[in-house]
Amino acid sequence: MPALPGNTETNCMVQIIAPILFIAAIIYVAYPLVSDKILLGFADAGDNGRERLFDEKEEIVSSLKDIEMDYRMGKLSLQDYTQLRVDFERRAADVLKRLDETDDER
């Protein structure tokens, strides 16, 4: 089959553009993952334990709200809801205890 005049130019463009788009897609997907780790590394270097405890407390509170919402929407059984809630409440109590200990040290 004879080659079409525009076919070689199109193939050349595809061979150039396809890898560029592929690399751009990988960077687009990987950037948030890598940048979060880099930012966390910088944050840990200058971060104190108290700030990490506050962050952990906020995550636990958010998780408890999500669990409650999932249960009300029927996504969690009563048994799963109860177990998750107990686990997160235990974690919250531990974080609050550690926060109180850091307050006492000041």
PDB file of N, CA and C in Angstrom:
ATOM      1  N   MET A   1       0.843  -1.159   0.000  1.00  0.00           N
ATOM      2  CA  MET A   1       0.000   0.000   0.000  1.00  0.00           C
ATOM      3  C   MET A   1       0.898   1.234   0.000  1.00  0.00           C
ATOM      4  N   PRO A   2       0.681   2.150  -0.906  1.00  0.00           N
ATOM      5  CA  PRO A   2       1.532   3.342  -0.980  1.00  0.00           C
ATOM      6  C   PRO A   2       1.268   4.281   0.196  1.00  0.00           C
ATOM      7  N   ALA A   3       2.339   4.921   0.645  1.00  0.00           N
ATOM      8  CA  ALA A   3       2.230   5.849   1.765  1.00  0.00           C
ATOM      9  C   ALA A   3       1.563   7.132   1.307  1.00  0.00           C
ATOM     10  N   LEU A   4       0.705   7.638   2.114  1.00  0.00           N
ATOM     11  CA  LEU A   4       0.048   8.899   1.823  1.00  0.00           C
ATOM     12  C   LEU A   4       1.010  10.028   2.152  1.00  0.00           C
ATOM     13  N   PRO A   5       0.943  11.131   1.422  1.00  0.00           N
ATOM     14  CA  PRO A   5       1.889  12.222   1.654  1.00  0.00           C
ATOM     15  C   PRO A   5       1.854  12.768   3.083  1.00  0.00           C
ATOM     16  N   GLY A   6       0.706  12.917   3.653  1.00  0.00           N
ATOM     17  CA  GLY A   6       0.593  13.472   5.001  1.00  0.00           C
ATOM     18  C   GLY A   6       0.807  12.429   6.086  1.00  0.00           C
ATOM     19  N   ASN A   7       0.839  11.178   5.705  1.00  0.00           N
ATOM     20  CA  ASN A   7       0.930  10.096   6.667  1.00  0.00           C
ATOM     21  C   ASN A   7       2.266  10.100   7.411  1.00  0.00           C
ATOM     22  N   THR A   8       3.371  10.342   6.759  1.00  0.00           N
ATOM     23  CA  THR A   8       4.672  10.341   7.428  1.00  0.00           C
ATOM     24  C   THR A   8       4.779  11.512   8.387  1.00  0.00           C
ATOM     25  N   GLU A   9       4.240  12.637   8.014  1.00  0.00           N
ATOM     26  CA  GLU A   9       4.258  13.795   8.906  1.00  0.00           C
ATOM     27  C   GLU A   9       3.390  13.534  10.138  1.00  0.00           C
ATOM     28  N   THR A  10       2.263  12.905   9.909  1.00  0.00           N
ATOM     29  CA  THR A  10       1.375  12.585  11.025  1.00  0.00           C
ATOM     30  C   THR A  10       2.038  11.584  11.963  1.00  0.00           C
ATOM     31  N   ASN A  11       2.666  10.552  11.402  1.00  0.00           N
ATOM     32  CA  ASN A  11       3.362   9.561  12.228  1.00  0.00           C
ATOM     33  C   ASN A  11       4.483  10.210  13.038  1.00  0.00           C
ATOM     34  N   CYS A  12       5.203  11.114  12.403  1.00  0.00           N
ATOM     35  CA  CYS A  12       6.299  11.799  13.090  1.00  0.00           C
ATOM     36  C   CYS A  12       5.764  12.641  14.246  1.00  0.00           C
ATOM     37  N   MET A  13       4.679  13.344  14.014  1.00  0.00           N
ATOM     38  CA  MET A  13       4.077  14.175  15.062  1.00  0.00           C
ATOM     39  C   MET A  13       3.567  13.314  16.215  1.00  0.00           C
ATOM     40  N   VAL A  14       2.939  12.186  15.879  1.00  0.00           N
ATOM     41  CA  VAL A  14       2.423  11.291  16.905  1.00  0.00           C
ATOM     42  C   VAL A  14       3.566  10.737  17.735  1.00  0.00           C
ATOM     43  N   GLN A  15       4.680  10.376  17.073  1.00  0.00           N
ATOM     44  CA  GLN A  15       5.841   9.841  17.783  1.00  0.00           C
ATOM     45  C   GLN A  15       6.489  10.883  18.689  1.00  0.00           C
ATOM     46  N   ILE A  16       6.331  12.133  18.385  1.00  0.00           N
ATOM     47  CA  ILE A  16       6.891  13.197  19.224  1.00  0.00           C
ATOM     48  C   ILE A  16       5.911  13.583  20.338  1.00  0.00           C
ATOM     49  N   ILE A  17       4.650  13.739  20.000  1.00  0.00           N
ATOM     50  CA  ILE A  17       3.656  14.240  20.949  1.00  0.00           C
ATOM     51  C   ILE A  17       3.233  13.178  21.966  1.00  0.00           C
ATOM     52  N   ALA A  18       3.101  11.929  21.547  1.00  0.00           N
ATOM     53  CA  ALA A  18       2.626  10.873  22.452  1.00  0.00           C
ATOM     54  C   ALA A  18       3.525  10.716  23.681  1.00  0.00           C
ATOM     55  N   PRO A  19       4.841  10.606  23.531  1.00  0.00           N
ATOM     56  CA  PRO A  19       5.669  10.488  24.747  1.00  0.00           C
ATOM     57  C   PRO A  19       5.607  11.733  25.638  1.00  0.00           C
ATOM     58  N   ILE A  20       5.502  12.902  25.020  1.00  0.00           N
ATOM     59  CA  ILE A  20       5.404  14.141  25.801  1.00  0.00           C
ATOM     60  C   ILE A  20       4.116  14.141  26.621  1.00  0.00           C
ATOM     61  N   LEU A  21       3.003  13.751  26.004  1.00  0.00           N
ATOM     62  CA  LEU A  21       1.739  13.678  26.736  1.00  0.00           C
ATOM     63  C   LEU A  21       1.787  12.615  27.827  1.00  0.00           C
ATOM     64  N   PHE A  22       2.438  11.498  27.542  1.00  0.00           N
ATOM     65  CA  PHE A  22       2.569  10.431  28.533  1.00  0.00           C
ATOM     66  C   PHE A  22       3.361  10.923  29.751  1.00  0.00           C
ATOM     67  N   ILE A  23       4.471  11.572  29.514  1.00  0.00           N
ATOM     68  CA  ILE A  23       5.298  12.103  30.611  1.00  0.00           C
ATOM     69  C   ILE A  23       4.535  13.179  31.373  1.00  0.00           C
ATOM     70  N   ALA A  24       3.817  14.039  30.648  1.00  0.00           N
ATOM     71  CA  ALA A  24       3.031  15.088  31.315  1.00  0.00           C
ATOM     72  C   ALA A  24       1.949  14.477  32.203  1.00  0.00           C
ATOM     73  N   ALA A  25       1.322  13.399  31.739  1.00  0.00           N
ATOM     74  CA  ALA A  25       0.286  12.742  32.545  1.00  0.00           C
ATOM     75  C   ALA A  25       0.878  12.133  33.806  1.00  0.00           C
ATOM     76  N   ILE A  26       2.031  11.517  33.700  1.00  0.00           N
ATOM     77  CA  ILE A  26       2.693  10.935  34.876  1.00  0.00           C
ATOM     78  C   ILE A  26       3.049  12.027  35.879  1.00  0.00           C
ATOM     79  N   ILE A  27       3.590  13.120  35.395  1.00  0.00           N
ATOM     80  CA  ILE A  27       3.939  14.236  36.287  1.00  0.00           C
ATOM     81  C   ILE A  27       2.687  14.805  36.945  1.00  0.00           C
ATOM     82  N   TYR A  28       1.605  14.934  36.182  1.00  0.00           N
ATOM     83  CA  TYR A  28       0.358  15.475  36.710  1.00  0.00           C
ATOM     84  C   TYR A  28      -0.198  14.602  37.834  1.00  0.00           C
ATOM     85  N   VAL A  29      -0.098  13.297  37.663  1.00  0.00           N
ATOM     86  CA  VAL A  29      -0.622  12.370  38.672  1.00  0.00           C
ATOM     87  C   VAL A  29       0.320  12.268  39.860  1.00  0.00           C
ATOM     88  N   ALA A  30       1.621  12.227  39.620  1.00  0.00           N
ATOM     89  CA  ALA A  30       2.591  11.994  40.689  1.00  0.00           C
ATOM     90  C   ALA A  30       2.919  13.247  41.495  1.00  0.00           C
ATOM     91  N   TYR A  31       2.764  14.418  40.935  1.00  0.00           N
ATOM     92  CA  TYR A  31       3.160  15.644  41.619  1.00  0.00           C
ATOM     93  C   TYR A  31       2.511  15.824  42.989  1.00  0.00           C
ATOM     94  N   PRO A  32       1.187  15.667  43.120  1.00  0.00           N
ATOM     95  CA  PRO A  32       0.593  15.839  44.458  1.00  0.00           C
ATOM     96  C   PRO A  32       1.125  14.830  45.470  1.00  0.00           C
ATOM     97  N   LEU A  33       1.395  13.618  45.034  1.00  0.00           N
ATOM     98  CA  LEU A  33       1.912  12.603  45.953  1.00  0.00           C
ATOM     99  C   LEU A  33       3.318  12.954  46.417  1.00  0.00           C
ATOM    100  N   VAL A  34       4.147  13.356  45.484  1.00  0.00           N
ATOM    101  CA  VAL A  34       5.534  13.689  45.818  1.00  0.00           C
ATOM    102  C   VAL A  34       5.608  14.994  46.589  1.00  0.00           C
ATOM    103  N   SER A  35       4.831  15.992  46.188  1.00  0.00           N
ATOM    104  CA  SER A  35       4.907  17.289  46.855  1.00  0.00           C
ATOM    105  C   SER A  35       4.425  17.191  48.303  1.00  0.00           C
ATOM    106  N   ASP A  36       3.415  16.358  48.576  1.00  0.00           N
ATOM    107  CA  ASP A  36       2.951  16.182  49.950  1.00  0.00           C
ATOM    108  C   ASP A  36       4.047  15.578  50.814  1.00  0.00           C
ATOM    109  N   LYS A  37       4.763  14.601  50.282  1.00  0.00           N
ATOM    110  CA  LYS A  37       5.844  13.980  51.048  1.00  0.00           C
ATOM    111  C   LYS A  37       6.970  14.977  51.293  1.00  0.00           C
ATOM    112  N   ILE A  38       7.266  15.781  50.296  1.00  0.00           N
ATOM    113  CA  ILE A  38       8.314  16.788  50.452  1.00  0.00           C
ATOM    114  C   ILE A  38       7.894  17.814  51.493  1.00  0.00           C
ATOM    115  N   LEU A  39       6.644  18.294  51.402  1.00  0.00           N
ATOM    116  CA  LEU A  39       6.152  19.279  52.367  1.00  0.00           C
ATOM    117  C   LEU A  39       6.109  18.696  53.765  1.00  0.00           C
ATOM    118  N   LEU A  40       5.702  17.438  53.898  1.00  0.00           N
ATOM    119  CA  LEU A  40       5.682  16.800  55.214  1.00  0.00           C
ATOM    120  C   LEU A  40       7.092  16.667  55.770  1.00  0.00           C
ATOM    121  N   GLY A  41       8.057  16.412  54.893  1.00  0.00           N
ATOM    122  CA  GLY A  41       9.443  16.333  55.332  1.00  0.00           C
ATOM    123  C   GLY A  41       9.913  17.672  55.886  1.00  0.00           C
ATOM    124  N   PHE A  42       9.580  18.761  55.207  1.00  0.00           N
ATOM    125  CA  PHE A  42       9.941  20.085  55.700  1.00  0.00           C
ATOM    126  C   PHE A  42       9.180  20.413  56.982  1.00  0.00           C
ATOM    127  N   ALA A  43       7.922  20.024  57.025  1.00  0.00           N
ATOM    128  CA  ALA A  43       7.116  20.313  58.207  1.00  0.00           C
ATOM    129  C   ALA A  43       7.643  19.550  59.415  1.00  0.00           C
ATOM    130  N   ASP A  44       8.061  18.300  59.219  1.00  0.00           N
ATOM    131  CA  ASP A  44       8.578  17.519  60.335  1.00  0.00           C
ATOM    132  C   ASP A  44       9.885  18.094  60.863  1.00  0.00           C
ATOM    133  N   ALA A  45      10.670  18.683  59.973  1.00  0.00           N
ATOM    134  CA  ALA A  45      11.944  19.230  60.403  1.00  0.00           C
ATOM    135  C   ALA A  45      11.751  20.392  61.376  1.00  0.00           C
ATOM    136  N   GLY A  46      10.764  21.250  61.135  1.00  0.00           N
ATOM    137  CA  GLY A  46      10.552  22.400  61.999  1.00  0.00           C
ATOM    138  C   GLY A  46       9.323  22.273  62.876  1.00  0.00           C
ATOM    139  N   ASP A  47       8.628  21.168  62.785  1.00  0.00           N
ATOM    140  CA  ASP A  47       7.362  20.982  63.484  1.00  0.00           C
ATOM    141  C   ASP A  47       7.628  20.448  64.883  1.00  0.00           C
ATOM    142  N   ASN A  48       6.814  20.875  65.824  1.00  0.00           N
ATOM    143  CA  ASN A  48       6.940  20.291  67.159  1.00  0.00           C
ATOM    144  C   ASN A  48       5.836  19.271  67.374  1.00  0.00           C
ATOM    145  N   GLY A  49       5.932  18.521  68.436  1.00  0.00           N
ATOM    146  CA  GLY A  49       4.978  17.458  68.708  1.00  0.00           C
ATOM    147  C   GLY A  49       3.570  17.961  68.930  1.00  0.00           C
ATOM    148  N   ARG A  50       3.431  19.127  69.504  1.00  0.00           N
ATOM    149  CA  ARG A  50       2.107  19.676  69.804  1.00  0.00           C
ATOM    150  C   ARG A  50       1.303  19.929  68.528  1.00  0.00           C
ATOM    151  N   GLU A  51       1.945  20.488  67.521  1.00  0.00           N
ATOM    152  CA  GLU A  51       1.253  20.750  66.257  1.00  0.00           C
ATOM    153  C   GLU A  51       0.837  19.450  65.590  1.00  0.00           C
ATOM    154  N   ARG A  52       1.691  18.432  65.653  1.00  0.00           N
ATOM    155  CA  ARG A  52       1.336  17.131  65.086  1.00  0.00           C
ATOM    156  C   ARG A  52       0.141  16.534  65.823  1.00  0.00           C
ATOM    157  N   LEU A  53       0.097  16.717  67.144  1.00  0.00           N
ATOM    158  CA  LEU A  53      -1.036  16.207  67.923  1.00  0.00           C
ATOM    159  C   LEU A  53      -2.340  16.911  67.543  1.00  0.00           C
ATOM    160  N   PHE A  54      -2.265  18.229  67.333  1.00  0.00           N
ATOM    161  CA  PHE A  54      -3.461  18.965  66.898  1.00  0.00           C
ATOM    162  C   PHE A  54      -3.930  18.464  65.533  1.00  0.00           C
ATOM    163  N   ASP A  55      -2.970  18.226  64.623  1.00  0.00           N
ATOM    164  CA  ASP A  55      -3.327  17.707  63.307  1.00  0.00           C
ATOM    165  C   ASP A  55      -3.971  16.329  63.413  1.00  0.00           C
ATOM    166  N   GLU A  56      -3.401  15.476  64.261  1.00  0.00           N
ATOM    167  CA  GLU A  56      -3.955  14.139  64.451  1.00  0.00           C
ATOM    168  C   GLU A  56      -5.363  14.211  65.043  1.00  0.00           C
ATOM    169  N   LYS A  57      -5.552  15.144  65.990  1.00  0.00           N
ATOM    170  CA  LYS A  57      -6.881  15.321  66.590  1.00  0.00           C
ATOM    171  C   LYS A  57      -7.900  15.718  65.532  1.00  0.00           C
ATOM    172  N   GLU A  58      -7.538  16.643  64.662  1.00  0.00           N
ATOM    173  CA  GLU A  58      -8.440  17.081  63.598  1.00  0.00           C
ATOM    174  C   GLU A  58      -8.773  15.934  62.640  1.00  0.00           C
ATOM    175  N   GLU A  59      -7.790  15.103  62.328  1.00  0.00           N
ATOM    176  CA  GLU A  59      -8.034  13.959  61.457  1.00  0.00           C
ATOM    177  C   GLU A  59      -9.004  12.973  62.104  1.00  0.00           C
ATOM    178  N   ILE A  60      -8.841  12.748  63.398  1.00  0.00           N
ATOM    179  CA  ILE A  60      -9.714  11.819  64.116  1.00  0.00           C
ATOM    180  C   ILE A  60     -11.142  12.348  64.156  1.00  0.00           C
ATOM    181  N   VAL A  61     -11.295  13.636  64.433  1.00  0.00           N
ATOM    182  CA  VAL A  61     -12.632  14.237  64.471  1.00  0.00           C
ATOM    183  C   VAL A  61     -13.289  14.125  63.097  1.00  0.00           C
ATOM    184  N   SER A  62     -12.532  14.390  62.053  1.00  0.00           N
ATOM    185  CA  SER A  62     -13.050  14.276  60.698  1.00  0.00           C
ATOM    186  C   SER A  62     -13.459  12.833  60.386  1.00  0.00           C
ATOM    187  N   SER A  63     -12.632  11.888  60.812  1.00  0.00           N
ATOM    188  CA  SER A  63     -12.946  10.477  60.584  1.00  0.00           C
ATOM    189  C   SER A  63     -14.210  10.067  61.329  1.00  0.00           C
ATOM    190  N   LEU A  64     -14.363  10.548  62.554  1.00  0.00           N
ATOM    191  CA  LEU A  64     -15.576  10.234  63.318  1.00  0.00           C
ATOM    192  C   LEU A  64     -16.823  10.778  62.617  1.00  0.00           C
ATOM    193  N   LYS A  65     -16.719  11.972  62.065  1.00  0.00           N
ATOM    194  CA  LYS A  65     -17.849  12.548  61.322  1.00  0.00           C
ATOM    195  C   LYS A  65     -18.157  11.716  60.082  1.00  0.00           C
ATOM    196  N   ASP A  66     -17.106  11.276  59.384  1.00  0.00           N
ATOM    197  CA  ASP A  66     -17.303  10.454  58.192  1.00  0.00           C
ATOM    198  C   ASP A  66     -17.951   9.120  58.538  1.00  0.00           C
ATOM    199  N   ILE A  67     -17.506   8.517  59.626  1.00  0.00           N
ATOM    200  CA  ILE A  67     -18.079   7.246  60.065  1.00  0.00           C
ATOM    201  C   ILE A  67     -19.555   7.415  60.384  1.00  0.00           C
ATOM    202  N   GLU A  68     -19.874   8.484  61.084  1.00  0.00           N
ATOM    203  CA  GLU A  68     -21.272   8.761  61.435  1.00  0.00           C
ATOM    204  C   GLU A  68     -22.118   8.919  60.171  1.00  0.00           C
ATOM    205  N   MET A  69     -21.618   9.677  59.213  1.00  0.00           N
ATOM    206  CA  MET A  69     -22.350   9.904  57.975  1.00  0.00           C
ATOM    207  C   MET A  69     -22.516   8.597  57.197  1.00  0.00           C
ATOM    208  N   ASP A  70     -21.455   7.802  57.116  1.00  0.00           N
ATOM    209  CA  ASP A  70     -21.534   6.528  56.397  1.00  0.00           C
ATOM    210  C   ASP A  70     -22.558   5.597  57.042  1.00  0.00           C
ATOM    211  N   TYR A  71     -22.613   5.591  58.366  1.00  0.00           N
ATOM    212  CA  TYR A  71     -23.584   4.745  59.056  1.00  0.00           C
ATOM    213  C   TYR A  71     -25.009   5.214  58.761  1.00  0.00           C
ATOM    214  N   ARG A  72     -25.226   6.516  58.826  1.00  0.00           N
ATOM    215  CA  ARG A  72     -26.573   7.056  58.572  1.00  0.00           C
ATOM    216  C   ARG A  72     -27.021   6.828  57.132  1.00  0.00           C
ATOM    217  N   MET A  73     -26.053   6.775  56.211  1.00  0.00           N
ATOM    218  CA  MET A  73     -26.382   6.537  54.805  1.00  0.00           C
ATOM    219  C   MET A  73     -26.525   5.048  54.494  1.00  0.00           C
ATOM    220  N   GLY A  74     -26.231   4.196  55.470  1.00  0.00           N
ATOM    221  CA  GLY A  74     -26.375   2.760  55.265  1.00  0.00           C
ATOM    222  C   GLY A  74     -25.160   2.087  54.661  1.00  0.00           C
ATOM    223  N   LYS A  75     -24.028   2.791  54.618  1.00  0.00           N
ATOM    224  CA  LYS A  75     -22.813   2.211  54.051  1.00  0.00           C
ATOM    225  C   LYS A  75     -22.083   1.321  55.061  1.00  0.00           C
ATOM    226  N   LEU A  76     -22.369   1.497  56.344  1.00  0.00           N
ATOM    227  CA  LEU A  76     -21.736   0.709  57.397  1.00  0.00           C
ATOM    228  C   LEU A  76     -22.806  -0.031  58.194  1.00  0.00           C
ATOM    229  N   SER A  77     -22.480  -1.253  58.557  1.00  0.00           N
ATOM    230  CA  SER A  77     -23.382  -1.995  59.440  1.00  0.00           C
ATOM    231  C   SER A  77     -23.217  -1.449  60.859  1.00  0.00           C
ATOM    232  N   LEU A  78     -24.152  -1.781  61.723  1.00  0.00           N
ATOM    233  CA  LEU A  78     -24.082  -1.327  63.113  1.00  0.00           C
ATOM    234  C   LEU A  78     -22.815  -1.855  63.786  1.00  0.00           C
ATOM    235  N   GLN A  79     -22.474  -3.098  63.499  1.00  0.00           N
ATOM    236  CA  GLN A  79     -21.273  -3.696  64.106  1.00  0.00           C
ATOM    237  C   GLN A  79     -20.010  -2.967  63.645  1.00  0.00           C
ATOM    238  N   ASP A  80     -19.879  -2.705  62.337  1.00  0.00           N
ATOM    239  CA  ASP A  80     -18.711  -1.981  61.829  1.00  0.00           C
ATOM    240  C   ASP A  80     -18.658  -0.562  62.383  1.00  0.00           C
ATOM    241  N   TYR A  81     -19.802   0.094  62.394  1.00  0.00           N
ATOM    242  CA  TYR A  81     -19.883   1.457  62.914  1.00  0.00           C
ATOM    243  C   TYR A  81     -19.425   1.512  64.373  1.00  0.00           C
ATOM    244  N   THR A  82     -19.932   0.577  65.175  1.00  0.00           N
ATOM    245  CA  THR A  82     -19.587   0.552  66.600  1.00  0.00           C
ATOM    246  C   THR A  82     -18.099   0.310  66.786  1.00  0.00           C
ATOM    247  N   GLN A  83     -17.546  -0.655  66.044  1.00  0.00           N
ATOM    248  CA  GLN A  83     -16.123  -0.971  66.186  1.00  0.00           C
ATOM    249  C   GLN A  83     -15.249   0.208  65.759  1.00  0.00           C
ATOM    250  N   LEU A  84     -15.567   0.808  64.628  1.00  0.00           N
ATOM    251  CA  LEU A  84     -14.778   1.954  64.158  1.00  0.00           C
ATOM    252  C   LEU A  84     -14.873   3.123  65.131  1.00  0.00           C
ATOM    253  N   ARG A  85     -16.073   3.374  65.614  1.00  0.00           N
ATOM    254  CA  ARG A  85     -16.267   4.492  66.543  1.00  0.00           C
ATOM    255  C   ARG A  85     -15.461   4.273  67.826  1.00  0.00           C
ATOM    256  N   VAL A  86     -15.493   3.065  68.359  1.00  0.00           N
ATOM    257  CA  VAL A  86     -14.730   2.761  69.575  1.00  0.00           C
ATOM    258  C   VAL A  86     -13.235   2.947  69.322  1.00  0.00           C
ATOM    259  N   ASP A  87     -12.748   2.462  68.181  1.00  0.00           N
ATOM    260  CA  ASP A  87     -11.322   2.594  67.860  1.00  0.00           C
ATOM    261  C   ASP A  87     -10.906   4.067  67.756  1.00  0.00           C
ATOM    262  N   PHE A  88     -11.713   4.861  67.042  1.00  0.00           N
ATOM    263  CA  PHE A  88     -11.358   6.269  66.876  1.00  0.00           C
ATOM    264  C   PHE A  88     -11.522   7.055  68.181  1.00  0.00           C
ATOM    265  N   GLU A  89     -12.493   6.697  68.985  1.00  0.00           N
ATOM    266  CA  GLU A  89     -12.635   7.374  70.279  1.00  0.00           C
ATOM    267  C   GLU A  89     -11.451   7.058  71.182  1.00  0.00           C
ATOM    268  N   ARG A  90     -10.956   5.832  71.113  1.00  0.00           N
ATOM    269  CA  ARG A  90      -9.759   5.473  71.886  1.00  0.00           C
ATOM    270  C   ARG A  90      -8.560   6.301  71.431  1.00  0.00           C
ATOM    271  N   ARG A  91      -8.418   6.410  70.111  1.00  0.00           N
ATOM    272  CA  ARG A  91      -7.316   7.216  69.567  1.00  0.00           C
ATOM    273  C   ARG A  91      -7.460   8.673  69.984  1.00  0.00           C
ATOM    274  N   ALA A  92      -8.684   9.187  69.953  1.00  0.00           N
ATOM    275  CA  ALA A  92      -8.922  10.580  70.346  1.00  0.00           C
ATOM    276  C   ALA A  92      -8.566  10.788  71.814  1.00  0.00           C
ATOM    277  N   ALA A  93      -8.947   9.845  72.664  1.00  0.00           N
ATOM    278  CA  ALA A  93      -8.626   9.966  74.091  1.00  0.00           C
ATOM    279  C   ALA A  93      -7.114   9.972  74.297  1.00  0.00           C
ATOM    280  N   ASP A  94      -6.407   9.135  73.539  1.00  0.00           N
ATOM    281  CA  ASP A  94      -4.947   9.092  73.649  1.00  0.00           C
ATOM    282  C   ASP A  94      -4.321  10.417  73.208  1.00  0.00           C
ATOM    283  N   VAL A  95      -4.807  10.958  72.113  1.00  0.00           N
ATOM    284  CA  VAL A  95      -4.274  12.238  71.618  1.00  0.00           C
ATOM    285  C   VAL A  95      -4.559  13.351  72.619  1.00  0.00           C
ATOM    286  N   LEU A  96      -5.770  13.394  73.147  1.00  0.00           N
ATOM    287  CA  LEU A  96      -6.114  14.434  74.127  1.00  0.00           C
ATOM    288  C   LEU A  96      -5.259  14.301  75.389  1.00  0.00           C
ATOM    289  N   LYS A  97      -4.994  13.073  75.782  1.00  0.00           N
ATOM    290  CA  LYS A  97      -4.137  12.849  76.953  1.00  0.00           C
ATOM    291  C   LYS A  97      -2.726  13.366  76.684  1.00  0.00           C
ATOM    292  N   ARG A  98      -2.203  13.067  75.492  1.00  0.00           N
ATOM    293  CA  ARG A  98      -0.855  13.551  75.144  1.00  0.00           C
ATOM    294  C   ARG A  98      -0.840  15.075  75.045  1.00  0.00           C
ATOM    295  N   LEU A  99      -1.919  15.679  74.544  1.00  0.00           N
ATOM    296  CA  LEU A  99      -1.983  17.136  74.479  1.00  0.00           C
ATOM    297  C   LEU A  99      -1.972  17.732  75.898  1.00  0.00           C
ATOM    298  N   ASP A 100      -2.713  17.113  76.814  1.00  0.00           N
ATOM    299  CA  ASP A 100      -2.704  17.580  78.201  1.00  0.00           C
ATOM    300  C   ASP A 100      -1.309  17.465  78.806  1.00  0.00           C
ATOM    301  N   GLU A 101      -0.606  16.395  78.476  1.00  0.00           N
ATOM    302  CA  GLU A 101       0.753  16.219  79.006  1.00  0.00           C
ATOM    303  C   GLU A 101       1.689  17.298  78.480  1.00  0.00           C
ATOM    304  N   THR A 102       1.517  17.679  77.204  1.00  0.00           N
ATOM    305  CA  THR A 102       2.375  18.754  76.671  1.00  0.00           C
ATOM    306  C   THR A 102       2.008  20.096  77.302  1.00  0.00           C
ATOM    307  N   ASP A 103       0.724  20.281  77.658  1.00  0.00           N
ATOM    308  CA  ASP A 103       0.316  21.497  78.349  1.00  0.00           C
ATOM    309  C   ASP A 103       0.945  21.566  79.743  1.00  0.00           C
ATOM    310  N   ASP A 104       0.995  20.433  80.420  1.00  0.00           N
ATOM    311  CA  ASP A 104       1.565  20.383  81.761  1.00  0.00           C
ATOM    312  C   ASP A 104       3.068  20.655  81.737  1.00  0.00           C
ATOM    313  N   GLU A 105       3.735  20.294  80.642  1.00  0.00           N
ATOM    314  CA  GLU A 105       5.177  20.531  80.530  1.00  0.00           C
ATOM    315  C   GLU A 105       5.504  22.008  80.347  1.00  0.00           C
ATOM    316  N   ARG A 106       4.557  22.769  79.875  1.00  0.00           N
ATOM    317  CA  ARG A 106       4.804  24.199  79.637  1.00  0.00           C
ATOM    318  C   ARG A 106       4.677  24.951  80.866  1.00  0.00           C
TER     319      ARG A 106
END
